[in-house]
């Protein structure tokens, strides 16, 4: 049975879908491990916008110092890199995450799989959409082979059913009046074997877009 409200909402969002992409470049030096974040705006279309923001203005930083043969170094959830997803609070977003499975010496792709020139990287992720940057509210995102996806409302509906489709915004629409922030947490671990000293580089890519059909999570 077709739900008229859901059907019309699906068609409308197909016309107004917006995608934001965030690249995180991971750089590993074997005396320390600064992980730098870079935000790239690929533009937007439609009437609604999504903004991605480094909330704490921190780097994705592993324990220091990082040494050859040091084994596992971990960024735990409590120290995660936090990305804010700022959007219309009553709409759903779809988030896809792709991380390199290894950091490569000098970022050289020819070093992939070389045990002396690559460092395995395991990505983990979670999100919170209760209106606060609070790890006690997180829901974990399943990550397999450093790939993961999630769909959730910008602001959780507290288990209430979705409401009717919102009307398309007019010229007088002020998105700032209906915005909220959801929080995406990125963390994980590296396994440093007997690799050559130098700079090891990898990338995490995050795509965020308004999704078609609201859910209640």
C-alpha atoms as a PDB file:
ATOM      1  CA  UNK A   1       0.000   0.000   0.000  1.00  0.00           C
ATOM      2  CA  UNK A   2       1.360   3.401  -0.978  1.00  0.00           C
ATOM      3  CA  UNK A   3       1.598   6.001   1.739  1.00  0.00           C
ATOM      4  CA  UNK A   4       0.735   9.311   0.029  1.00  0.00           C
ATOM      5  CA  UNK A   5       2.735  11.353   2.540  1.00  0.00           C
ATOM      6  CA  UNK A   6       5.821   9.185   2.184  1.00  0.00           C
ATOM      7  CA  UNK A   7       5.497   9.023  -1.592  1.00  0.00           C
ATOM      8  CA  UNK A   8       5.267  12.804  -2.008  1.00  0.00           C
ATOM      9  CA  UNK A   9       8.158  13.300   0.392  1.00  0.00           C
ATOM     10  CA  UNK A  10      10.299  10.867  -1.588  1.00  0.00           C
ATOM     11  CA  UNK A  11       9.628  12.687  -4.842  1.00  0.00           C
ATOM     12  CA  UNK A  12      10.291  16.077  -3.317  1.00  0.00           C
ATOM     13  CA  UNK A  13      13.605  15.080  -1.760  1.00  0.00           C
ATOM     14  CA  UNK A  14      14.784  13.579  -5.017  1.00  0.00           C
ATOM     15  CA  UNK A  15      14.533  17.057  -6.493  1.00  0.00           C
ATOM     16  CA  UNK A  16      16.229  18.827  -3.580  1.00  0.00           C
ATOM     17  CA  UNK A  17      18.924  16.316  -2.631  1.00  0.00           C
ATOM     18  CA  UNK A  18      22.112  17.950  -1.442  1.00  0.00           C
ATOM     19  CA  UNK A  19      25.495  16.345  -0.893  1.00  0.00           C
ATOM     20  CA  UNK A  20      28.377  17.628   1.187  1.00  0.00           C
ATOM     21  CA  UNK A  21      31.750  15.908   1.153  1.00  0.00           C
ATOM     22  CA  UNK A  22      34.435  16.115   3.811  1.00  0.00           C
ATOM     23  CA  UNK A  23      37.966  14.789   3.312  1.00  0.00           C
ATOM     24  CA  UNK A  24      40.236  14.009   6.239  1.00  0.00           C
ATOM     25  CA  UNK A  25      43.882  13.485   5.372  1.00  0.00           C
ATOM     26  CA  UNK A  26      45.706  11.287   7.842  1.00  0.00           C
ATOM     27  CA  UNK A  27      49.426  11.970   8.116  1.00  0.00           C
ATOM     28  CA  UNK A  28      51.672   9.728  10.189  1.00  0.00           C
ATOM     29  CA  UNK A  29      55.210  10.602  11.227  1.00  0.00           C
ATOM     30  CA  UNK A  30      56.996   7.971  13.254  1.00  0.00           C
ATOM     31  CA  UNK A  31      57.923  10.359  16.045  1.00  0.00           C
ATOM     32  CA  UNK A  32      54.441  11.797  16.406  1.00  0.00           C
ATOM     33  CA  UNK A  33      51.133  11.415  14.608  1.00  0.00           C
ATOM     34  CA  UNK A  34      49.399  14.654  13.668  1.00  0.00           C
ATOM     35  CA  UNK A  35      46.250  13.932  11.711  1.00  0.00           C
ATOM     36  CA  UNK A  36      45.011  16.991   9.912  1.00  0.00           C
ATOM     37  CA  UNK A  37      41.473  17.676   8.756  1.00  0.00           C
ATOM     38  CA  UNK A  38      40.517  19.621   5.665  1.00  0.00           C
ATOM     39  CA  UNK A  39      37.011  20.707   4.775  1.00  0.00           C
ATOM     40  CA  UNK A  40      36.184  20.974   1.092  1.00  0.00           C
ATOM     41  CA  UNK A  41      32.946  22.548  -0.046  1.00  0.00           C
ATOM     42  CA  UNK A  42      31.779  21.083  -3.341  1.00  0.00           C
ATOM     43  CA  UNK A  43      28.804  23.400  -3.482  1.00  0.00           C
ATOM     44  CA  UNK A  44      25.143  22.704  -2.988  1.00  0.00           C
ATOM     45  CA  UNK A  45      21.859  22.713  -4.811  1.00  0.00           C
ATOM     46  CA  UNK A  46      18.245  22.810  -3.778  1.00  0.00           C
ATOM     47  CA  UNK A  47      16.737  25.057  -1.136  1.00  0.00           C
ATOM     48  CA  UNK A  48      18.148  23.368   1.954  1.00  0.00           C
ATOM     49  CA  UNK A  49      21.821  23.294   2.869  1.00  0.00           C
ATOM     50  CA  UNK A  50      24.061  21.087   5.001  1.00  0.00           C
ATOM     51  CA  UNK A  51      27.160  22.417   6.724  1.00  0.00           C
ATOM     52  CA  UNK A  52      29.976  20.202   7.988  1.00  0.00           C
ATOM     53  CA  UNK A  53      32.041  21.639  10.815  1.00  0.00           C
ATOM     54  CA  UNK A  54      35.020  20.554  12.874  1.00  0.00           C
ATOM     55  CA  UNK A  55      33.366  21.046  16.277  1.00  0.00           C
ATOM     56  CA  UNK A  56      36.338  20.907  18.609  1.00  0.00           C
ATOM     57  CA  UNK A  57      38.839  22.261  16.075  1.00  0.00           C
ATOM     58  CA  UNK A  58      41.043  19.316  17.013  1.00  0.00           C
ATOM     59  CA  UNK A  59      43.027  16.878  14.923  1.00  0.00           C
ATOM     60  CA  UNK A  60      42.518  13.129  14.653  1.00  0.00           C
ATOM     61  CA  UNK A  61      45.548  12.398  16.850  1.00  0.00           C
ATOM     62  CA  UNK A  62      46.927   9.043  17.949  1.00  0.00           C
ATOM     63  CA  UNK A  63      49.021   8.425  21.027  1.00  0.00           C
ATOM     64  CA  UNK A  64      52.549   9.796  20.909  1.00  0.00           C
ATOM     65  CA  UNK A  65      55.259   9.038  20.164  1.00  0.00           C
ATOM     66  CA  UNK A  66      54.596   6.658  17.274  1.00  0.00           C
ATOM     67  CA  UNK A  67      57.592   4.389  16.786  1.00  0.00           C
ATOM     68  CA  UNK A  68      58.546   1.672  14.331  1.00  0.00           C
ATOM     69  CA  UNK A  69      57.426  -1.700  15.657  1.00  0.00           C
ATOM     70  CA  UNK A  70      55.239  -0.016  18.285  1.00  0.00           C
ATOM     71  CA  UNK A  71      52.163  -2.130  17.525  1.00  0.00           C
ATOM     72  CA  UNK A  72      48.658  -0.838  18.246  1.00  0.00           C
ATOM     73  CA  UNK A  73      47.990   2.876  18.734  1.00  0.00           C
ATOM     74  CA  UNK A  74      44.393   3.872  19.318  1.00  0.00           C
ATOM     75  CA  UNK A  75      42.155   6.906  19.317  1.00  0.00           C
ATOM     76  CA  UNK A  76      39.262   6.007  21.623  1.00  0.00           C
ATOM     77  CA  UNK A  77      35.715   7.336  21.375  1.00  0.00           C
ATOM     78  CA  UNK A  78      36.320   9.809  24.202  1.00  0.00           C
ATOM     79  CA  UNK A  79      39.136  11.371  22.121  1.00  0.00           C
ATOM     80  CA  UNK A  80      37.397  11.056  18.752  1.00  0.00           C
ATOM     81  CA  UNK A  81      37.491  13.613  15.981  1.00  0.00           C
ATOM     82  CA  UNK A  82      34.047  15.264  16.055  1.00  0.00           C
ATOM     83  CA  UNK A  83      32.358  16.478  12.894  1.00  0.00           C
ATOM     84  CA  UNK A  84      29.176  18.548  13.236  1.00  0.00           C
ATOM     85  CA  UNK A  85      26.402  18.015  10.684  1.00  0.00           C
ATOM     86  CA  UNK A  86      24.338  21.203  10.691  1.00  0.00           C
ATOM     87  CA  UNK A  87      21.033  20.889   8.895  1.00  0.00           C
ATOM     88  CA  UNK A  88      17.240  21.124   9.067  1.00  0.00           C
ATOM     89  CA  UNK A  89      16.311  19.371  12.297  1.00  0.00           C
ATOM     90  CA  UNK A  90      13.226  17.520  11.039  1.00  0.00           C
ATOM     91  CA  UNK A  91      14.954  16.016   7.984  1.00  0.00           C
ATOM     92  CA  UNK A  92      16.992  12.835   7.682  1.00  0.00           C
ATOM     93  CA  UNK A  93      20.565  12.689   6.478  1.00  0.00           C
ATOM     94  CA  UNK A  94      22.393   9.819   4.860  1.00  0.00           C
ATOM     95  CA  UNK A  95      26.059   9.526   5.809  1.00  0.00           C
ATOM     96  CA  UNK A  96      28.616   7.377   3.998  1.00  0.00           C
ATOM     97  CA  UNK A  97      32.156   6.944   5.278  1.00  0.00           C
ATOM     98  CA  UNK A  98      35.139   5.576   3.367  1.00  0.00           C
ATOM     99  CA  UNK A  99      38.564   5.222   4.923  1.00  0.00           C
ATOM    100  CA  UNK A 100      41.816   3.952   3.478  1.00  0.00           C
ATOM    101  CA  UNK A 101      42.674   0.558   4.939  1.00  0.00           C
ATOM    102  CA  UNK A 102      46.308   1.502   5.276  1.00  0.00           C
ATOM    103  CA  UNK A 103      48.471   4.582   5.579  1.00  0.00           C
ATOM    104  CA  UNK A 104      51.189   4.681   2.933  1.00  0.00           C
ATOM    105  CA  UNK A 105      54.722   5.994   3.158  1.00  0.00           C
ATOM    106  CA  UNK A 106      54.730   9.430   1.492  1.00  0.00           C
ATOM    107  CA  UNK A 107      51.197   8.677   0.281  1.00  0.00           C
ATOM    108  CA  UNK A 108      52.679   6.644  -2.576  1.00  0.00           C
ATOM    109  CA  UNK A 109      50.075   4.181  -3.857  1.00  0.00           C
ATOM    110  CA  UNK A 110      52.828   1.839  -5.031  1.00  0.00           C
ATOM    111  CA  UNK A 111      53.587   1.181  -1.350  1.00  0.00           C
ATOM    112  CA  UNK A 112      50.196  -0.450  -0.806  1.00  0.00           C
ATOM    113  CA  UNK A 113      50.622  -3.899   0.715  1.00  0.00           C
ATOM    114  CA  UNK A 114      54.334  -3.423   1.376  1.00  0.00           C
ATOM    115  CA  UNK A 115      54.828  -4.365   5.065  1.00  0.00           C
ATOM    116  CA  UNK A 116      57.788  -1.987   5.316  1.00  0.00           C
ATOM    117  CA  UNK A 117      55.992   0.981   3.751  1.00  0.00           C
ATOM    118  CA  UNK A 118      52.377   0.717   4.941  1.00  0.00           C
ATOM    119  CA  UNK A 119      50.544   0.885   8.269  1.00  0.00           C
ATOM    120  CA  UNK A 120      47.151  -0.862   8.640  1.00  0.00           C
ATOM    121  CA  UNK A 121      44.384   1.497   9.737  1.00  0.00           C
ATOM    122  CA  UNK A 122      41.039   0.440  11.251  1.00  0.00           C
ATOM    123  CA  UNK A 123      38.307   3.075  11.208  1.00  0.00           C
ATOM    124  CA  UNK A 124      35.457   3.303  13.729  1.00  0.00           C
ATOM    125  CA  UNK A 125      32.522   5.722  13.794  1.00  0.00           C
ATOM    126  CA  UNK A 126      29.437   6.709  15.768  1.00  0.00           C
ATOM    127  CA  UNK A 127      26.872   9.518  15.797  1.00  0.00           C
ATOM    128  CA  UNK A 128      24.751  11.419  18.303  1.00  0.00           C
ATOM    129  CA  UNK A 129      21.585  13.293  17.356  1.00  0.00           C
ATOM    130  CA  UNK A 130      20.020  14.272  20.667  1.00  0.00           C
ATOM    131  CA  UNK A 131      21.077  17.894  20.303  1.00  0.00           C
ATOM    132  CA  UNK A 132      24.251  17.632  22.382  1.00  0.00           C
ATOM    133  CA  UNK A 133      27.865  16.666  21.764  1.00  0.00           C
ATOM    134  CA  UNK A 134      27.739  13.851  24.287  1.00  0.00           C
ATOM    135  CA  UNK A 135      29.295  10.428  23.771  1.00  0.00           C
ATOM    136  CA  UNK A 136      26.788   8.890  26.183  1.00  0.00           C
ATOM    137  CA  UNK A 137      24.154   9.477  23.467  1.00  0.00           C
ATOM    138  CA  UNK A 138      26.036   7.815  20.607  1.00  0.00           C
ATOM    139  CA  UNK A 139      24.817   5.113  18.299  1.00  0.00           C
ATOM    140  CA  UNK A 140      27.572   3.105  16.682  1.00  0.00           C
ATOM    141  CA  UNK A 141      27.927   2.877  12.914  1.00  0.00           C
ATOM    142  CA  UNK A 142      28.814  -0.522  11.499  1.00  0.00           C
ATOM    143  CA  UNK A 143      32.147  -0.232   9.704  1.00  0.00           C
ATOM    144  CA  UNK A 144      33.373  -3.121   7.540  1.00  0.00           C
ATOM    145  CA  UNK A 145      36.635  -2.876   5.616  1.00  0.00           C
ATOM    146  CA  UNK A 146      36.677   0.819   6.556  1.00  0.00           C
ATOM    147  CA  UNK A 147      33.329   1.412   4.807  1.00  0.00           C
ATOM    148  CA  UNK A 148      30.156   2.431   6.613  1.00  0.00           C
ATOM    149  CA  UNK A 149      26.752   4.028   6.125  1.00  0.00           C
ATOM    150  CA  UNK A 150      24.080   5.435   8.412  1.00  0.00           C
ATOM    151  CA  UNK A 151      20.764   7.251   8.061  1.00  0.00           C
ATOM    152  CA  UNK A 152      19.255   9.296  10.860  1.00  0.00           C
ATOM    153  CA  UNK A 153      17.314  12.514  11.565  1.00  0.00           C
ATOM    154  CA  UNK A 154      19.416  15.570  12.286  1.00  0.00           C
ATOM    155  CA  UNK A 155      17.470  15.720  15.559  1.00  0.00           C
ATOM    156  CA  UNK A 156      16.145  12.453  16.997  1.00  0.00           C
ATOM    157  CA  UNK A 157      12.355  12.148  17.083  1.00  0.00           C
ATOM    158  CA  UNK A 158      12.315  10.410  20.484  1.00  0.00           C
ATOM    159  CA  UNK A 159      10.682   7.305  18.944  1.00  0.00           C
ATOM    160  CA  UNK A 160       7.756   9.303  17.585  1.00  0.00           C
ATOM    161  CA  UNK A 161       6.518   8.466  14.066  1.00  0.00           C
ATOM    162  CA  UNK A 162       7.551  10.807  11.245  1.00  0.00           C
ATOM    163  CA  UNK A 163       5.284  13.767  10.691  1.00  0.00           C
ATOM    164  CA  UNK A 164       3.787  14.823   7.361  1.00  0.00           C
ATOM    165  CA  UNK A 165       6.102  16.108   4.648  1.00  0.00           C
ATOM    166  CA  UNK A 166       7.214  19.684   5.366  1.00  0.00           C
ATOM    167  CA  UNK A 167       6.214  22.263   2.761  1.00  0.00           C
ATOM    168  CA  UNK A 168       8.950  23.316   0.323  1.00  0.00           C
ATOM    169  CA  UNK A 169      10.708  26.460   1.586  1.00  0.00           C
ATOM    170  CA  UNK A 170       9.680  29.814   0.198  1.00  0.00           C
ATOM    171  CA  UNK A 171      11.863  32.815  -0.566  1.00  0.00           C
ATOM    172  CA  UNK A 172      11.265  34.052   2.978  1.00  0.00           C
ATOM    173  CA  UNK A 173      12.362  30.740   4.528  1.00  0.00           C
ATOM    174  CA  UNK A 174      15.084  31.176   7.164  1.00  0.00           C
ATOM    175  CA  UNK A 175      16.828  27.840   7.639  1.00  0.00           C
ATOM    176  CA  UNK A 176      18.664  29.067  10.735  1.00  0.00           C
ATOM    177  CA  UNK A 177      15.333  28.989  12.599  1.00  0.00           C
ATOM    178  CA  UNK A 178      14.972  25.224  12.128  1.00  0.00           C
ATOM    179  CA  UNK A 179      18.599  24.090  12.254  1.00  0.00           C
ATOM    180  CA  UNK A 180      20.133  21.603  14.642  1.00  0.00           C
ATOM    181  CA  UNK A 181      23.500  19.840  14.888  1.00  0.00           C
ATOM    182  CA  UNK A 182      24.092  16.106  14.752  1.00  0.00           C
ATOM    183  CA  UNK A 183      27.541  14.866  15.734  1.00  0.00           C
ATOM    184  CA  UNK A 184      29.677  12.325  13.880  1.00  0.00           C
ATOM    185  CA  UNK A 185      32.550  10.728  15.809  1.00  0.00           C
ATOM    186  CA  UNK A 186      35.562   9.252  14.015  1.00  0.00           C
ATOM    187  CA  UNK A 187      38.151   7.180  15.826  1.00  0.00           C
ATOM    188  CA  UNK A 188      40.076   3.940  15.360  1.00  0.00           C
ATOM    189  CA  UNK A 189      43.493   2.363  15.491  1.00  0.00           C
ATOM    190  CA  UNK A 190      46.715   1.727  13.600  1.00  0.00           C
ATOM    191  CA  UNK A 191      49.052  -1.243  13.848  1.00  0.00           C
ATOM    192  CA  UNK A 192      52.646  -0.092  13.396  1.00  0.00           C
ATOM    193  CA  UNK A 193      54.965  -2.905  12.350  1.00  0.00           C
ATOM    194  CA  UNK A 194      58.623  -2.799  11.419  1.00  0.00           C
ATOM    195  CA  UNK A 195      58.129  -0.088   8.847  1.00  0.00           C
ATOM    196  CA  UNK A 196      60.535   2.466   7.474  1.00  0.00           C
ATOM    197  CA  UNK A 197      60.593   5.815   9.223  1.00  0.00           C
ATOM    198  CA  UNK A 198      58.847   8.635   7.399  1.00  0.00           C
ATOM    199  CA  UNK A 199      55.471  10.210   6.764  1.00  0.00           C
ATOM    200  CA  UNK A 200      52.485   7.905   6.278  1.00  0.00           C
ATOM    201  CA  UNK A 201      49.350   9.267   4.632  1.00  0.00           C
ATOM    202  CA  UNK A 202      45.762   8.100   4.192  1.00  0.00           C
ATOM    203  CA  UNK A 203      42.340   9.625   3.661  1.00  0.00           C
ATOM    204  CA  UNK A 204      38.867   9.408   5.169  1.00  0.00           C
ATOM    205  CA  UNK A 205      36.010  10.614   2.961  1.00  0.00           C
ATOM    206  CA  UNK A 206      32.594  11.476   4.392  1.00  0.00           C
ATOM    207  CA  UNK A 207      29.569  12.174   2.207  1.00  0.00           C
ATOM    208  CA  UNK A 208      26.437  13.665   3.747  1.00  0.00           C
ATOM    209  CA  UNK A 209      23.136  14.289   1.998  1.00  0.00           C
ATOM    210  CA  UNK A 210      19.499  14.798   2.879  1.00  0.00           C
ATOM    211  CA  UNK A 211      17.871  11.419   2.587  1.00  0.00           C
ATOM    212  CA  UNK A 212      14.517  10.478   1.094  1.00  0.00           C
ATOM    213  CA  UNK A 213      12.316   9.070   3.828  1.00  0.00           C
ATOM    214  CA  UNK A 214      12.436  10.051   7.518  1.00  0.00           C
ATOM    215  CA  UNK A 215      12.879   7.406  10.184  1.00  0.00           C
ATOM    216  CA  UNK A 216      12.469   7.594  13.934  1.00  0.00           C
ATOM    217  CA  UNK A 217      15.990   6.945  15.249  1.00  0.00           C
END
